[in-house]
């Protein structure tokens, strides 16, 4: 089973490269041209593609708005 991630635009490219090196499937919001999209859209993409979100944004931890 390969772990799949969606990296928010605030994740440094070196971190994304580091995760890809051992074979993790990492899609970067910045690399696919979706910088500055809404958080709700990020959640929609991650849910649709069954990816975990990697971000430094604290508000993604609001379980009332973004269910685990």
PDB file of N, CA and C in Angstrom:
ATOM      1  N   UNK A   1       0.835  -1.179   0.000  1.00  0.00           N
ATOM      2  CA  UNK A   1       0.000   0.000   0.000  1.00  0.00           C
ATOM      3  C   UNK A   1       0.883   1.246   0.000  1.00  0.00           C
ATOM      4  N   UNK A   2       0.664   2.102  -0.958  1.00  0.00           N
ATOM      5  CA  UNK A   2       1.432   3.340  -1.062  1.00  0.00           C
ATOM      6  C   UNK A   2       0.645   4.457  -0.395  1.00  0.00           C
ATOM      7  N   UNK A   3       1.308   5.201   0.478  1.00  0.00           N
ATOM      8  CA  UNK A   3       0.662   6.333   1.128  1.00  0.00           C
ATOM      9  C   UNK A   3       0.549   7.487   0.144  1.00  0.00           C
ATOM     10  N   UNK A   4      -0.613   8.139   0.146  1.00  0.00           N
ATOM     11  CA  UNK A   4      -0.880   9.232  -0.778  1.00  0.00           C
ATOM     12  C   UNK A   4      -1.120  10.509   0.007  1.00  0.00           C
ATOM     13  N   UNK A   5      -0.438  11.576  -0.417  1.00  0.00           N
ATOM     14  CA  UNK A   5      -0.535  12.855   0.271  1.00  0.00           C
ATOM     15  C   UNK A   5      -0.861  13.966  -0.706  1.00  0.00           C
ATOM     16  N   UNK A   6      -1.487  15.020  -0.185  1.00  0.00           N
ATOM     17  CA  UNK A   6      -1.686  16.265  -0.912  1.00  0.00           C
ATOM     18  C   UNK A   6      -0.993  17.346  -0.104  1.00  0.00           C
ATOM     19  N   UNK A   7       0.058  17.930  -0.674  1.00  0.00           N
ATOM     20  CA  UNK A   7       0.842  18.946   0.027  1.00  0.00           C
ATOM     21  C   UNK A   7       0.274  20.331  -0.267  1.00  0.00           C
ATOM     22  N   UNK A   8      -0.083  21.037   0.776  1.00  0.00           N
ATOM     23  CA  UNK A   8      -0.575  22.407   0.659  1.00  0.00           C
ATOM     24  C   UNK A   8       0.560  23.287   0.129  1.00  0.00           C
ATOM     25  N   UNK A   9       0.219  24.480  -0.333  1.00  0.00           N
ATOM     26  CA  UNK A   9       1.228  25.341  -0.933  1.00  0.00           C
ATOM     27  C   UNK A   9       2.269  25.845   0.061  1.00  0.00           C
ATOM     28  N   UNK A  10       2.029  25.701   1.354  1.00  0.00           N
ATOM     29  CA  UNK A  10       2.998  26.158   2.343  1.00  0.00           C
ATOM     30  C   UNK A  10       4.024  25.081   2.723  1.00  0.00           C
ATOM     31  N   UNK A  11       4.009  23.974   2.034  1.00  0.00           N
ATOM     32  CA  UNK A  11       4.989  22.913   2.277  1.00  0.00           C
ATOM     33  C   UNK A  11       6.176  23.123   1.342  1.00  0.00           C
ATOM     34  N   UNK A  12       7.357  23.157   1.896  1.00  0.00           N
ATOM     35  CA  UNK A  12       8.567  23.420   1.117  1.00  0.00           C
ATOM     36  C   UNK A  12       8.839  22.301   0.113  1.00  0.00           C
ATOM     37  N   UNK A  13       9.286  22.654  -1.085  1.00  0.00           N
ATOM     38  CA  UNK A  13       9.596  21.641  -2.105  1.00  0.00           C
ATOM     39  C   UNK A  13      10.582  20.566  -1.631  1.00  0.00           C
ATOM     40  N   UNK A  14      11.532  20.930  -0.765  1.00  0.00           N
ATOM     41  CA  UNK A  14      12.486  19.939  -0.258  1.00  0.00           C
ATOM     42  C   UNK A  14      11.784  18.854   0.558  1.00  0.00           C
ATOM     43  N   UNK A  15      10.748  19.236   1.283  1.00  0.00           N
ATOM     44  CA  UNK A  15       9.988  18.251   2.068  1.00  0.00           C
ATOM     45  C   UNK A  15       9.245  17.313   1.120  1.00  0.00           C
ATOM     46  N   UNK A  16       8.669  17.862   0.067  1.00  0.00           N
ATOM     47  CA  UNK A  16       7.957  17.043  -0.914  1.00  0.00           C
ATOM     48  C   UNK A  16       8.920  16.065  -1.576  1.00  0.00           C
ATOM     49  N   UNK A  17      10.087  16.544  -1.974  1.00  0.00           N
ATOM     50  CA  UNK A  17      11.102  15.666  -2.579  1.00  0.00           C
ATOM     51  C   UNK A  17      11.536  14.571  -1.609  1.00  0.00           C
ATOM     52  N   UNK A  18      11.714  14.943  -0.349  1.00  0.00           N
ATOM     53  CA  UNK A  18      12.128  13.984   0.671  1.00  0.00           C
ATOM     54  C   UNK A  18      11.089  12.863   0.802  1.00  0.00           C
ATOM     55  N   UNK A  19       9.828  13.210   0.766  1.00  0.00           N
ATOM     56  CA  UNK A  19       8.772  12.204   0.878  1.00  0.00           C
ATOM     57  C   UNK A  19       8.661  11.343  -0.380  1.00  0.00           C
ATOM     58  N   UNK A  20       8.915  11.930  -1.518  1.00  0.00           N
ATOM     59  CA  UNK A  20       8.842  11.166  -2.773  1.00  0.00           C
ATOM     60  C   UNK A  20       9.986  10.185  -2.918  1.00  0.00           C
ATOM     61  N   UNK A  21      11.122  10.500  -2.336  1.00  0.00           N
ATOM     62  CA  UNK A  21      12.318   9.672  -2.488  1.00  0.00           C
ATOM     63  C   UNK A  21      12.089   8.208  -2.119  1.00  0.00           C
ATOM     64  N   UNK A  22      11.447   7.906  -0.985  1.00  0.00           N
ATOM     65  CA  UNK A  22      11.202   6.492  -0.675  1.00  0.00           C
ATOM     66  C   UNK A  22       9.974   5.919  -1.392  1.00  0.00           C
ATOM     67  N   UNK A  23       9.310   6.745  -2.209  1.00  0.00           N
ATOM     68  CA  UNK A  23       8.205   6.218  -2.997  1.00  0.00           C
ATOM     69  C   UNK A  23       6.804   6.636  -2.600  1.00  0.00           C
ATOM     70  N   UNK A  24       6.678   7.594  -1.675  1.00  0.00           N
ATOM     71  CA  UNK A  24       5.343   8.076  -1.334  1.00  0.00           C
ATOM     72  C   UNK A  24       4.758   8.839  -2.521  1.00  0.00           C
ATOM     73  N   UNK A  25       3.457   8.745  -2.687  1.00  0.00           N
ATOM     74  CA  UNK A  25       2.747   9.448  -3.752  1.00  0.00           C
ATOM     75  C   UNK A  25       2.337  10.812  -3.209  1.00  0.00           C
ATOM     76  N   UNK A  26       3.072  11.854  -3.598  1.00  0.00           N
ATOM     77  CA  UNK A  26       2.815  13.199  -3.091  1.00  0.00           C
ATOM     78  C   UNK A  26       2.423  14.109  -4.246  1.00  0.00           C
ATOM     79  N   UNK A  27       1.241  14.679  -4.151  1.00  0.00           N
ATOM     80  CA  UNK A  27       0.775  15.664  -5.124  1.00  0.00           C
ATOM     81  C   UNK A  27       0.864  17.020  -4.443  1.00  0.00           C
ATOM     82  N   UNK A  28       1.478  17.971  -5.119  1.00  0.00           N
ATOM     83  CA  UNK A  28       1.651  19.303  -4.556  1.00  0.00           C
ATOM     84  C   UNK A  28       0.657  20.272  -5.180  1.00  0.00           C
ATOM     85  N   UNK A  29      -0.067  20.999  -4.343  1.00  0.00           N
ATOM     86  CA  UNK A  29      -1.019  21.997  -4.814  1.00  0.00           C
ATOM     87  C   UNK A  29      -0.302  23.001  -5.714  1.00  0.00           C
ATOM     88  N   UNK A  30       0.897  23.391  -5.322  1.00  0.00           N
ATOM     89  CA  UNK A  30       1.671  24.369  -6.089  1.00  0.00           C
ATOM     90  C   UNK A  30       2.080  23.799  -7.450  1.00  0.00           C
ATOM     91  N   UNK A  31       2.549  22.578  -7.487  1.00  0.00           N
ATOM     92  CA  UNK A  31       3.030  21.964  -8.732  1.00  0.00           C
ATOM     93  C   UNK A  31       1.922  21.728  -9.750  1.00  0.00           C
ATOM     94  N   UNK A  32       0.704  21.503  -9.283  1.00  0.00           N
ATOM     95  CA  UNK A  32      -0.388  21.260 -10.235  1.00  0.00           C
ATOM     96  C   UNK A  32      -1.140  22.552 -10.583  1.00  0.00           C
ATOM     97  N   UNK A  33      -0.561  23.692 -10.196  1.00  0.00           N
ATOM     98  CA  UNK A  33      -1.105  24.982 -10.589  1.00  0.00           C
ATOM     99  C   UNK A  33      -2.341  25.424  -9.840  1.00  0.00           C
ATOM    100  N   UNK A  34      -2.497  24.961  -8.609  1.00  0.00           N
ATOM    101  CA  UNK A  34      -3.684  25.320  -7.833  1.00  0.00           C
ATOM    102  C   UNK A  34      -3.359  26.170  -6.608  1.00  0.00           C
ATOM    103  N   UNK A  35      -2.290  26.946  -6.692  1.00  0.00           N
ATOM    104  CA  UNK A  35      -1.945  27.828  -5.576  1.00  0.00           C
ATOM    105  C   UNK A  35      -3.097  28.785  -5.302  1.00  0.00           C
ATOM    106  N   UNK A  36      -3.271  29.114  -4.066  1.00  0.00           N
ATOM    107  CA  UNK A  36      -4.288  30.053  -3.585  1.00  0.00           C
ATOM    108  C   UNK A  36      -5.722  29.553  -3.744  1.00  0.00           C
ATOM    109  N   UNK A  37      -5.910  28.237  -3.866  1.00  0.00           N
ATOM    110  CA  UNK A  37      -7.278  27.722  -3.857  1.00  0.00           C
ATOM    111  C   UNK A  37      -7.774  27.697  -2.420  1.00  0.00           C
ATOM    112  N   UNK A  38      -9.052  27.585  -2.262  1.00  0.00           N
ATOM    113  CA  UNK A  38      -9.630  27.598  -0.918  1.00  0.00           C
ATOM    114  C   UNK A  38      -9.308  26.301  -0.178  1.00  0.00           C
ATOM    115  N   UNK A  39      -9.359  26.387   1.124  1.00  0.00           N
ATOM    116  CA  UNK A  39      -9.128  25.203   1.949  1.00  0.00           C
ATOM    117  C   UNK A  39     -10.183  24.136   1.677  1.00  0.00           C
ATOM    118  N   UNK A  40     -11.406  24.576   1.450  1.00  0.00           N
ATOM    119  CA  UNK A  40     -12.472  23.621   1.148  1.00  0.00           C
ATOM    120  C   UNK A  40     -12.166  22.835  -0.126  1.00  0.00           C
ATOM    121  N   UNK A  41     -11.588  23.503  -1.116  1.00  0.00           N
ATOM    122  CA  UNK A  41     -11.225  22.835  -2.369  1.00  0.00           C
ATOM    123  C   UNK A  41     -10.090  21.834  -2.125  1.00  0.00           C
ATOM    124  N   UNK A  42      -9.153  22.198  -1.278  1.00  0.00           N
ATOM    125  CA  UNK A  42      -8.060  21.278  -0.936  1.00  0.00           C
ATOM    126  C   UNK A  42      -8.636  20.019  -0.291  1.00  0.00           C
ATOM    127  N   UNK A  43      -9.573  20.205   0.613  1.00  0.00           N
ATOM    128  CA  UNK A  43     -10.216  19.059   1.271  1.00  0.00           C
ATOM    129  C   UNK A  43     -10.978  18.223   0.245  1.00  0.00           C
ATOM    130  N   UNK A  44     -11.670  18.877  -0.680  1.00  0.00           N
ATOM    131  CA  UNK A  44     -12.407  18.151  -1.721  1.00  0.00           C
ATOM    132  C   UNK A  44     -11.475  17.287  -2.570  1.00  0.00           C
ATOM    133  N   UNK A  45     -10.350  17.856  -2.990  1.00  0.00           N
ATOM    134  CA  UNK A  45      -9.390  17.107  -3.807  1.00  0.00           C
ATOM    135  C   UNK A  45      -8.831  15.931  -3.020  1.00  0.00           C
ATOM    136  N   UNK A  46      -8.422  16.196  -1.783  1.00  0.00           N
ATOM    137  CA  UNK A  46      -7.846  15.128  -0.956  1.00  0.00           C
ATOM    138  C   UNK A  46      -8.852  14.011  -0.713  1.00  0.00           C
ATOM    139  N   UNK A  47     -10.093  14.366  -0.458  1.00  0.00           N
ATOM    140  CA  UNK A  47     -11.134  13.369  -0.215  1.00  0.00           C
ATOM    141  C   UNK A  47     -11.387  12.547  -1.478  1.00  0.00           C
ATOM    142  N   UNK A  48     -11.525  13.222  -2.593  1.00  0.00           N
ATOM    143  CA  UNK A  48     -11.798  12.548  -3.864  1.00  0.00           C
ATOM    144  C   UNK A  48     -10.679  11.574  -4.245  1.00  0.00           C
ATOM    145  N   UNK A  49      -9.424  11.988  -4.007  1.00  0.00           N
ATOM    146  CA  UNK A  49      -8.270  11.172  -4.387  1.00  0.00           C
ATOM    147  C   UNK A  49      -7.749  10.301  -3.246  1.00  0.00           C
ATOM    148  N   UNK A  50      -8.446  10.331  -2.120  1.00  0.00           N
ATOM    149  CA  UNK A  50      -8.069   9.549  -0.937  1.00  0.00           C
ATOM    150  C   UNK A  50      -6.631   9.837  -0.508  1.00  0.00           C
ATOM    151  N   UNK A  51      -6.347  11.127  -0.325  1.00  0.00           N
ATOM    152  CA  UNK A  51      -5.023  11.581   0.088  1.00  0.00           C
ATOM    153  C   UNK A  51      -5.108  12.239   1.464  1.00  0.00           C
ATOM    154  N   UNK A  52      -4.044  12.153   2.212  1.00  0.00           N
ATOM    155  CA  UNK A  52      -3.922  12.884   3.473  1.00  0.00           C
ATOM    156  C   UNK A  52      -3.316  14.240   3.162  1.00  0.00           C
ATOM    157  N   UNK A  53      -3.782  15.264   3.848  1.00  0.00           N
ATOM    158  CA  UNK A  53      -3.296  16.615   3.615  1.00  0.00           C
ATOM    159  C   UNK A  53      -2.087  16.888   4.506  1.00  0.00           C
ATOM    160  N   UNK A  54      -1.046  17.441   3.880  1.00  0.00           N
ATOM    161  CA  UNK A  54       0.122  17.904   4.620  1.00  0.00           C
ATOM    162  C   UNK A  54       0.095  19.429   4.557  1.00  0.00           C
ATOM    163  N   UNK A  55       0.049  20.072   5.710  1.00  0.00           N
ATOM    164  CA  UNK A  55      -0.048  21.529   5.751  1.00  0.00           C
ATOM    165  C   UNK A  55       0.500  22.059   7.066  1.00  0.00           C
ATOM    166  N   UNK A  56       0.826  23.344   7.059  1.00  0.00           N
ATOM    167  CA  UNK A  56       1.182  24.042   8.287  1.00  0.00           C
ATOM    168  C   UNK A  56       0.008  24.863   8.802  1.00  0.00           C
ATOM    169  N   UNK A  57      -1.106  24.885   8.071  1.00  0.00           N
ATOM    170  CA  UNK A  57      -2.279  25.649   8.479  1.00  0.00           C
ATOM    171  C   UNK A  57      -2.973  24.973   9.661  1.00  0.00           C
ATOM    172  N   UNK A  58      -3.082  25.688  10.761  1.00  0.00           N
ATOM    173  CA  UNK A  58      -3.669  25.131  11.976  1.00  0.00           C
ATOM    174  C   UNK A  58      -5.180  24.924  11.864  1.00  0.00           C
ATOM    175  N   UNK A  59      -5.850  25.706  11.046  1.00  0.00           N
ATOM    176  CA  UNK A  59      -7.307  25.610  11.010  1.00  0.00           C
ATOM    177  C   UNK A  59      -7.811  24.309  10.387  1.00  0.00           C
ATOM    178  N   UNK A  60      -6.952  23.548   9.722  1.00  0.00           N
ATOM    179  CA  UNK A  60      -7.370  22.234   9.243  1.00  0.00           C
ATOM    180  C   UNK A  60      -7.630  21.287  10.417  1.00  0.00           C
ATOM    181  N   UNK A  61      -7.152  21.650  11.588  1.00  0.00           N
ATOM    182  CA  UNK A  61      -7.380  20.847  12.781  1.00  0.00           C
ATOM    183  C   UNK A  61      -8.753  21.070  13.409  1.00  0.00           C
ATOM    184  N   UNK A  62      -9.549  21.962  12.845  1.00  0.00           N
ATOM    185  CA  UNK A  62     -10.902  22.235  13.350  1.00  0.00           C
ATOM    186  C   UNK A  62     -11.811  21.071  12.944  1.00  0.00           C
ATOM    187  N   UNK A  63     -12.001  20.122  13.858  1.00  0.00           N
ATOM    188  CA  UNK A  63     -12.750  18.906  13.515  1.00  0.00           C
ATOM    189  C   UNK A  63     -14.236  19.156  13.298  1.00  0.00           C
ATOM    190  N   UNK A  64     -14.731  20.314  13.716  1.00  0.00           N
ATOM    191  CA  UNK A  64     -16.126  20.633  13.448  1.00  0.00           C
ATOM    192  C   UNK A  64     -16.318  21.046  11.978  1.00  0.00           C
ATOM    193  N   UNK A  65     -15.298  21.645  11.408  1.00  0.00           N
ATOM    194  CA  UNK A  65     -15.374  22.066  10.002  1.00  0.00           C
ATOM    195  C   UNK A  65     -14.808  21.017   9.069  1.00  0.00           C
ATOM    196  N   UNK A  66     -13.678  20.428   9.435  1.00  0.00           N
ATOM    197  CA  UNK A  66     -13.015  19.415   8.607  1.00  0.00           C
ATOM    198  C   UNK A  66     -12.958  18.115   9.397  1.00  0.00           C
ATOM    199  N   UNK A  67     -13.875  17.250   9.144  1.00  0.00           N
ATOM    200  CA  UNK A  67     -13.943  15.994   9.885  1.00  0.00           C
ATOM    201  C   UNK A  67     -12.752  15.104   9.569  1.00  0.00           C
ATOM    202  N   UNK A  68     -12.241  14.402  10.579  1.00  0.00           N
ATOM    203  CA  UNK A  68     -11.083  13.501  10.353  1.00  0.00           C
ATOM    204  C   UNK A  68     -11.405  12.400   9.366  1.00  0.00           C
TER     205      UNK A  68
END
